[in-house]
Amino acid sequence: MSRRVNMPTADDLFRPTSASGKTGKSPVRAPGIQAVPDEAPAKGPRRTSGRVRHEEKMTVYVTAEELVHIESARLNLRSELGLAVDRGRLVREAIAIVLEDLEKNGSDSDLVRRILAQ
């Protein structure tokens, strides 16, 4: 059992916590950095839940290298595009993209090809 303490990220600490998005204080963010809007137009029929309270939980184990890639993508979105996205949102969006591709392309989807290639 690890005795390591899990600390929240800066994005978790400075995000709105009330349903209306108003906490009494405005979140502290670097200039030019905006949180990804929840009302972003959908590119297809599948939409992610965005920044809402999630009632269901799923634990996914990743390798150290995969976690570094996820963090790198998150930091690139922030530095290059000014989008403050947490890891959960990034993963939910990626899952939505993969599931939409599976629904649209079936056995020709990227997911099926990657699973069969293993």
N, C-alpha and C. Protein backbone atom coordinates (compact mmCIF):
# COMPACT_ATOMS: atom_id res chain seq x y z
N MET A 1 0.84 -1.17 0.00
CA MET A 1 0.00 0.00 0.00
C MET A 1 0.89 1.24 0.00
N SER A 2 0.65 2.12 -0.91
CA SER A 2 1.45 3.33 -1.04
C SER A 2 1.03 4.35 0.01
N ARG A 3 2.01 5.02 0.57
CA ARG A 3 1.72 6.08 1.55
C ARG A 3 1.76 7.44 0.89
N ARG A 4 1.79 7.45 -0.42
CA ARG A 4 1.87 8.68 -1.18
C ARG A 4 0.54 9.43 -1.12
N VAL A 5 0.60 10.72 -0.92
CA VAL A 5 -0.60 11.54 -0.83
C VAL A 5 -0.94 12.05 -2.22
N ASN A 6 -2.18 11.89 -2.62
CA ASN A 6 -2.63 12.43 -3.90
C ASN A 6 -3.13 13.85 -3.70
N MET A 7 -2.47 14.79 -4.34
CA MET A 7 -2.85 16.19 -4.24
C MET A 7 -3.63 16.59 -5.49
N PRO A 8 -4.62 17.47 -5.33
CA PRO A 8 -5.36 17.93 -6.51
C PRO A 8 -4.48 18.81 -7.39
N THR A 9 -4.80 18.85 -8.68
CA THR A 9 -4.05 19.71 -9.60
C THR A 9 -4.52 21.15 -9.44
N ALA A 10 -3.78 22.07 -10.00
CA ALA A 10 -4.15 23.49 -9.94
C ALA A 10 -5.51 23.72 -10.59
N ASP A 11 -5.79 22.99 -11.69
CA ASP A 11 -7.10 23.15 -12.35
C ASP A 11 -8.24 22.75 -11.43
N ASP A 12 -8.03 21.73 -10.61
CA ASP A 12 -9.08 21.30 -9.67
C ASP A 12 -9.27 22.31 -8.56
N LEU A 13 -8.17 22.94 -8.13
CA LEU A 13 -8.25 23.89 -7.04
C LEU A 13 -8.92 25.20 -7.43
N PHE A 14 -8.77 25.61 -8.69
CA PHE A 14 -9.25 26.93 -9.11
C PHE A 14 -10.43 26.87 -10.04
N ARG A 15 -11.21 25.81 -10.02
CA ARG A 15 -12.38 25.71 -10.86
C ARG A 15 -13.63 26.08 -10.05
N PRO A 16 -14.69 26.54 -10.73
CA PRO A 16 -15.94 26.82 -10.02
C PRO A 16 -16.50 25.53 -9.43
N THR A 17 -17.07 25.62 -8.23
CA THR A 17 -17.58 24.42 -7.59
C THR A 17 -19.09 24.43 -7.44
N SER A 18 -19.74 25.56 -7.67
CA SER A 18 -21.19 25.59 -7.55
C SER A 18 -21.83 25.30 -8.89
N ALA A 19 -23.11 24.95 -8.87
CA ALA A 19 -23.82 24.60 -10.09
C ALA A 19 -23.88 25.79 -11.04
N SER A 20 -23.94 27.01 -10.51
CA SER A 20 -24.01 28.18 -11.37
C SER A 20 -22.64 28.62 -11.86
N GLY A 21 -21.59 28.01 -11.31
CA GLY A 21 -20.25 28.38 -11.72
C GLY A 21 -19.70 29.56 -10.96
N LYS A 22 -20.43 30.05 -9.96
CA LYS A 22 -19.99 31.21 -9.18
C LYS A 22 -19.68 30.76 -7.76
N THR A 23 -18.45 31.04 -7.34
CA THR A 23 -18.04 30.62 -6.00
C THR A 23 -17.85 31.81 -5.07
N GLY A 24 -18.09 33.01 -5.55
CA GLY A 24 -17.84 34.19 -4.73
C GLY A 24 -16.49 34.79 -5.06
N LYS A 25 -15.55 33.99 -5.53
CA LYS A 25 -14.24 34.47 -5.95
C LYS A 25 -14.07 34.07 -7.40
N SER A 26 -13.33 34.87 -8.13
CA SER A 26 -13.07 34.44 -9.50
C SER A 26 -11.83 33.57 -9.51
N PRO A 27 -11.83 32.53 -10.32
CA PRO A 27 -10.70 31.61 -10.36
C PRO A 27 -9.44 32.33 -10.83
N VAL A 28 -8.31 31.92 -10.29
CA VAL A 28 -7.04 32.49 -10.68
C VAL A 28 -6.49 31.65 -11.83
N ARG A 29 -6.27 32.29 -12.96
CA ARG A 29 -5.73 31.60 -14.13
C ARG A 29 -4.69 32.49 -14.78
N ALA A 30 -3.79 31.88 -15.48
CA ALA A 30 -2.78 32.64 -16.21
C ALA A 30 -3.47 33.43 -17.32
N PRO A 31 -2.93 34.60 -17.68
CA PRO A 31 -3.54 35.39 -18.75
C PRO A 31 -3.65 34.60 -20.04
N GLY A 32 -4.79 34.71 -20.71
CA GLY A 32 -5.00 34.03 -21.97
C GLY A 32 -5.44 32.58 -21.85
N ILE A 33 -5.47 32.03 -20.64
CA ILE A 33 -5.87 30.64 -20.44
C ILE A 33 -7.35 30.62 -20.10
N GLN A 34 -8.12 29.88 -20.87
CA GLN A 34 -9.55 29.76 -20.65
C GLN A 34 -9.90 28.30 -20.45
N ALA A 35 -10.80 28.03 -19.53
CA ALA A 35 -11.31 26.67 -19.38
C ALA A 35 -12.11 26.32 -20.62
N VAL A 36 -12.11 25.06 -21.01
CA VAL A 36 -12.85 24.63 -22.17
C VAL A 36 -14.34 24.79 -21.87
N PRO A 37 -15.08 25.51 -22.70
CA PRO A 37 -16.50 25.70 -22.42
C PRO A 37 -17.27 24.40 -22.52
N ASP A 38 -18.23 24.22 -21.61
CA ASP A 38 -19.05 23.02 -21.62
C ASP A 38 -20.03 23.01 -22.79
N GLU A 39 -20.38 24.17 -23.28
CA GLU A 39 -21.36 24.27 -24.35
C GLU A 39 -20.70 24.26 -25.72
N ALA A 40 -19.53 23.67 -25.86
CA ALA A 40 -18.85 23.61 -27.15
C ALA A 40 -19.74 22.86 -28.13
N PRO A 41 -19.81 23.35 -29.37
CA PRO A 41 -20.65 22.66 -30.35
C PRO A 41 -20.16 21.25 -30.61
N ALA A 42 -21.08 20.33 -30.68
CA ALA A 42 -20.73 18.92 -30.91
C ALA A 42 -20.33 18.73 -32.36
N LYS A 43 -19.29 17.93 -32.59
CA LYS A 43 -18.85 17.64 -33.95
C LYS A 43 -19.57 16.44 -34.51
N GLY A 44 -20.28 15.73 -33.68
CA GLY A 44 -21.01 14.55 -34.11
C GLY A 44 -22.12 14.28 -33.13
N PRO A 45 -22.75 13.13 -33.24
CA PRO A 45 -23.88 12.82 -32.37
C PRO A 45 -23.49 12.57 -30.92
N ARG A 46 -22.24 12.19 -30.66
CA ARG A 46 -21.83 11.86 -29.29
C ARG A 46 -21.26 13.10 -28.61
N ARG A 47 -21.78 13.43 -27.42
CA ARG A 47 -21.29 14.56 -26.65
C ARG A 47 -20.82 14.06 -25.29
N THR A 48 -19.76 14.68 -24.78
CA THR A 48 -19.29 14.31 -23.45
C THR A 48 -20.02 15.14 -22.42
N SER A 49 -19.88 14.74 -21.17
CA SER A 49 -20.62 15.39 -20.09
C SER A 49 -20.01 16.72 -19.67
N GLY A 50 -18.75 16.96 -19.98
CA GLY A 50 -18.14 18.23 -19.61
C GLY A 50 -17.86 18.32 -18.13
N ARG A 51 -17.94 19.53 -17.60
CA ARG A 51 -17.61 19.76 -16.20
C ARG A 51 -18.88 19.73 -15.35
N VAL A 52 -19.32 18.54 -15.05
CA VAL A 52 -20.47 18.32 -14.18
C VAL A 52 -20.05 17.31 -13.12
N ARG A 53 -20.85 17.19 -12.10
CA ARG A 53 -20.56 16.17 -11.09
C ARG A 53 -20.88 14.81 -11.69
N HIS A 54 -19.89 13.93 -11.67
CA HIS A 54 -20.07 12.61 -12.25
C HIS A 54 -20.40 11.62 -11.14
N GLU A 55 -21.48 10.91 -11.32
CA GLU A 55 -21.95 9.96 -10.32
C GLU A 55 -21.29 8.60 -10.43
N GLU A 56 -20.77 8.28 -11.58
CA GLU A 56 -20.16 6.97 -11.81
C GLU A 56 -18.65 7.11 -11.86
N LYS A 57 -17.97 6.06 -11.43
CA LYS A 57 -16.52 6.08 -11.42
C LYS A 57 -16.00 4.81 -12.07
N MET A 58 -14.92 4.97 -12.82
CA MET A 58 -14.26 3.84 -13.45
C MET A 58 -12.76 4.04 -13.26
N THR A 59 -12.10 3.05 -12.73
CA THR A 59 -10.66 3.14 -12.54
C THR A 59 -9.96 2.51 -13.72
N VAL A 60 -9.01 3.23 -14.29
CA VAL A 60 -8.24 2.74 -15.41
C VAL A 60 -6.77 2.84 -15.04
N TYR A 61 -6.05 1.75 -15.18
CA TYR A 61 -4.63 1.75 -14.90
C TYR A 61 -3.87 2.01 -16.19
N VAL A 62 -2.91 2.91 -16.13
CA VAL A 62 -2.08 3.24 -17.28
C VAL A 62 -0.61 3.09 -16.90
N THR A 63 0.23 2.93 -17.89
CA THR A 63 1.66 2.86 -17.63
C THR A 63 2.17 4.27 -17.35
N ALA A 64 3.37 4.35 -16.82
CA ALA A 64 4.00 5.65 -16.56
C ALA A 64 4.13 6.43 -17.87
N GLU A 65 4.49 5.73 -18.94
CA GLU A 65 4.66 6.38 -20.24
C GLU A 65 3.32 6.94 -20.76
N GLU A 66 2.24 6.17 -20.60
CA GLU A 66 0.92 6.65 -21.03
C GLU A 66 0.49 7.88 -20.23
N LEU A 67 0.77 7.86 -18.94
CA LEU A 67 0.42 9.01 -18.10
C LEU A 67 1.21 10.24 -18.52
N VAL A 68 2.47 10.06 -18.85
CA VAL A 68 3.29 11.19 -19.32
C VAL A 68 2.70 11.74 -20.62
N HIS A 69 2.24 10.86 -21.52
CA HIS A 69 1.64 11.32 -22.78
C HIS A 69 0.34 12.09 -22.52
N ILE A 70 -0.46 11.62 -21.59
CA ILE A 70 -1.71 12.32 -21.25
C ILE A 70 -1.40 13.69 -20.67
N GLU A 71 -0.46 13.76 -19.74
CA GLU A 71 -0.07 15.04 -19.14
C GLU A 71 0.53 15.97 -20.19
N SER A 72 1.33 15.42 -21.09
CA SER A 72 1.93 16.22 -22.15
C SER A 72 0.85 16.82 -23.05
N ALA A 73 -0.14 16.00 -23.40
CA ALA A 73 -1.25 16.50 -24.23
C ALA A 73 -2.01 17.60 -23.50
N ARG A 74 -2.25 17.41 -22.21
CA ARG A 74 -2.96 18.41 -21.41
C ARG A 74 -2.19 19.72 -21.37
N LEU A 75 -0.88 19.63 -21.15
CA LEU A 75 -0.05 20.83 -21.10
C LEU A 75 0.07 21.50 -22.47
N ASN A 76 0.12 20.71 -23.53
CA ASN A 76 0.15 21.29 -24.88
C ASN A 76 -1.15 22.03 -25.19
N LEU A 77 -2.27 21.46 -24.81
CA LEU A 77 -3.55 22.15 -25.01
C LEU A 77 -3.55 23.49 -24.29
N ARG A 78 -2.97 23.50 -23.10
CA ARG A 78 -2.94 24.72 -22.30
C ARG A 78 -1.97 25.75 -22.90
N SER A 79 -0.75 25.31 -23.23
CA SER A 79 0.26 26.26 -23.69
C SER A 79 0.04 26.71 -25.13
N GLU A 80 -0.36 25.81 -26.02
CA GLU A 80 -0.48 26.15 -27.43
C GLU A 80 -1.85 26.72 -27.80
N LEU A 81 -2.90 26.25 -27.14
CA LEU A 81 -4.26 26.68 -27.50
C LEU A 81 -4.96 27.48 -26.40
N GLY A 82 -4.33 27.56 -25.22
CA GLY A 82 -4.95 28.30 -24.13
C GLY A 82 -6.15 27.61 -23.53
N LEU A 83 -6.21 26.27 -23.64
CA LEU A 83 -7.34 25.50 -23.12
C LEU A 83 -6.94 24.80 -21.83
N ALA A 84 -7.58 25.14 -20.73
CA ALA A 84 -7.31 24.49 -19.45
C ALA A 84 -8.22 23.28 -19.34
N VAL A 85 -7.65 22.09 -19.53
CA VAL A 85 -8.42 20.85 -19.53
C VAL A 85 -7.80 19.91 -18.51
N ASP A 86 -8.63 19.32 -17.63
CA ASP A 86 -8.08 18.35 -16.68
C ASP A 86 -7.98 16.99 -17.35
N ARG A 87 -7.27 16.07 -16.71
CA ARG A 87 -7.05 14.75 -17.29
C ARG A 87 -8.35 14.00 -17.53
N GLY A 88 -9.30 14.10 -16.59
CA GLY A 88 -10.58 13.42 -16.75
C GLY A 88 -11.32 13.89 -17.99
N ARG A 89 -11.35 15.19 -18.20
CA ARG A 89 -12.03 15.75 -19.38
C ARG A 89 -11.34 15.29 -20.65
N LEU A 90 -10.02 15.30 -20.64
CA LEU A 90 -9.25 14.86 -21.80
C LEU A 90 -9.57 13.41 -22.14
N VAL A 91 -9.61 12.55 -21.13
CA VAL A 91 -9.89 11.13 -21.35
C VAL A 91 -11.34 10.93 -21.81
N ARG A 92 -12.30 11.66 -21.21
CA ARG A 92 -13.70 11.52 -21.64
C ARG A 92 -13.88 11.95 -23.09
N GLU A 93 -13.20 13.02 -23.51
CA GLU A 93 -13.28 13.46 -24.90
C GLU A 93 -12.67 12.42 -25.84
N ALA A 94 -11.53 11.85 -25.44
CA ALA A 94 -10.88 10.83 -26.26
C ALA A 94 -11.77 9.60 -26.40
N ILE A 95 -12.41 9.20 -25.32
CA ILE A 95 -13.33 8.05 -25.37
C ILE A 95 -14.50 8.34 -26.30
N ALA A 96 -15.04 9.56 -26.23
CA ALA A 96 -16.16 9.93 -27.10
C ALA A 96 -15.76 9.85 -28.57
N ILE A 97 -14.54 10.29 -28.88
CA ILE A 97 -14.05 10.24 -30.27
C ILE A 97 -13.94 8.79 -30.74
N VAL A 98 -13.37 7.94 -29.90
CA VAL A 98 -13.17 6.54 -30.26
C VAL A 98 -14.52 5.83 -30.43
N LEU A 99 -15.47 6.07 -29.52
CA LEU A 99 -16.78 5.42 -29.62
C LEU A 99 -17.57 5.90 -30.83
N GLU A 100 -17.43 7.19 -31.15
CA GLU A 100 -18.11 7.71 -32.33
C GLU A 100 -17.55 7.07 -33.60
N ASP A 101 -16.22 6.91 -33.65
CA ASP A 101 -15.58 6.25 -34.80
C ASP A 101 -16.04 4.80 -34.89
N LEU A 102 -16.15 4.11 -33.75
CA LEU A 102 -16.61 2.72 -33.74
C LEU A 102 -18.05 2.61 -34.26
N GLU A 103 -18.92 3.52 -33.80
CA GLU A 103 -20.31 3.51 -34.27
C GLU A 103 -20.41 3.79 -35.77
N LYS A 104 -19.60 4.70 -36.24
CA LYS A 104 -19.65 5.11 -37.65
C LYS A 104 -19.01 4.07 -38.58
N ASN A 105 -17.86 3.50 -38.17
CA ASN A 105 -17.08 2.66 -39.08
C ASN A 105 -17.06 1.18 -38.72
N GLY A 106 -17.58 0.80 -37.57
CA GLY A 106 -17.66 -0.60 -37.19
C GLY A 106 -16.32 -1.30 -37.23
N SER A 107 -16.22 -2.38 -38.00
CA SER A 107 -14.99 -3.17 -38.04
C SER A 107 -13.84 -2.45 -38.74
N ASP A 108 -14.12 -1.35 -39.43
CA ASP A 108 -13.07 -0.55 -40.05
C ASP A 108 -12.60 0.59 -39.15
N SER A 109 -13.08 0.64 -37.92
CA SER A 109 -12.71 1.73 -37.02
C SER A 109 -11.27 1.59 -36.55
N ASP A 110 -10.68 2.70 -36.13
CA ASP A 110 -9.31 2.69 -35.60
C ASP A 110 -9.21 1.80 -34.38
N LEU A 111 -10.23 1.79 -33.54
CA LEU A 111 -10.20 0.97 -32.32
C LEU A 111 -10.07 -0.51 -32.66
N VAL A 112 -10.90 -0.99 -33.58
CA VAL A 112 -10.86 -2.40 -33.97
C VAL A 112 -9.52 -2.74 -34.59
N ARG A 113 -9.03 -1.88 -35.48
CA ARG A 113 -7.71 -2.15 -36.10
C ARG A 113 -6.59 -2.21 -35.08
N ARG A 114 -6.61 -1.31 -34.10
CA ARG A 114 -5.55 -1.31 -33.08
C ARG A 114 -5.64 -2.53 -32.18
N ILE A 115 -6.86 -2.94 -31.82
CA ILE A 115 -7.02 -4.13 -30.97
C ILE A 115 -6.58 -5.38 -31.73
N LEU A 116 -6.95 -5.50 -32.99
CA LEU A 116 -6.55 -6.66 -33.78
C LEU A 116 -5.06 -6.71 -34.05
N ALA A 117 -4.40 -5.55 -34.06
CA ALA A 117 -2.95 -5.49 -34.33
C ALA A 117 -2.12 -5.91 -33.13
N GLN A 118 -2.71 -6.01 -31.96
CA GLN A 118 -1.95 -6.36 -30.75
C GLN A 118 -1.66 -7.82 -30.69
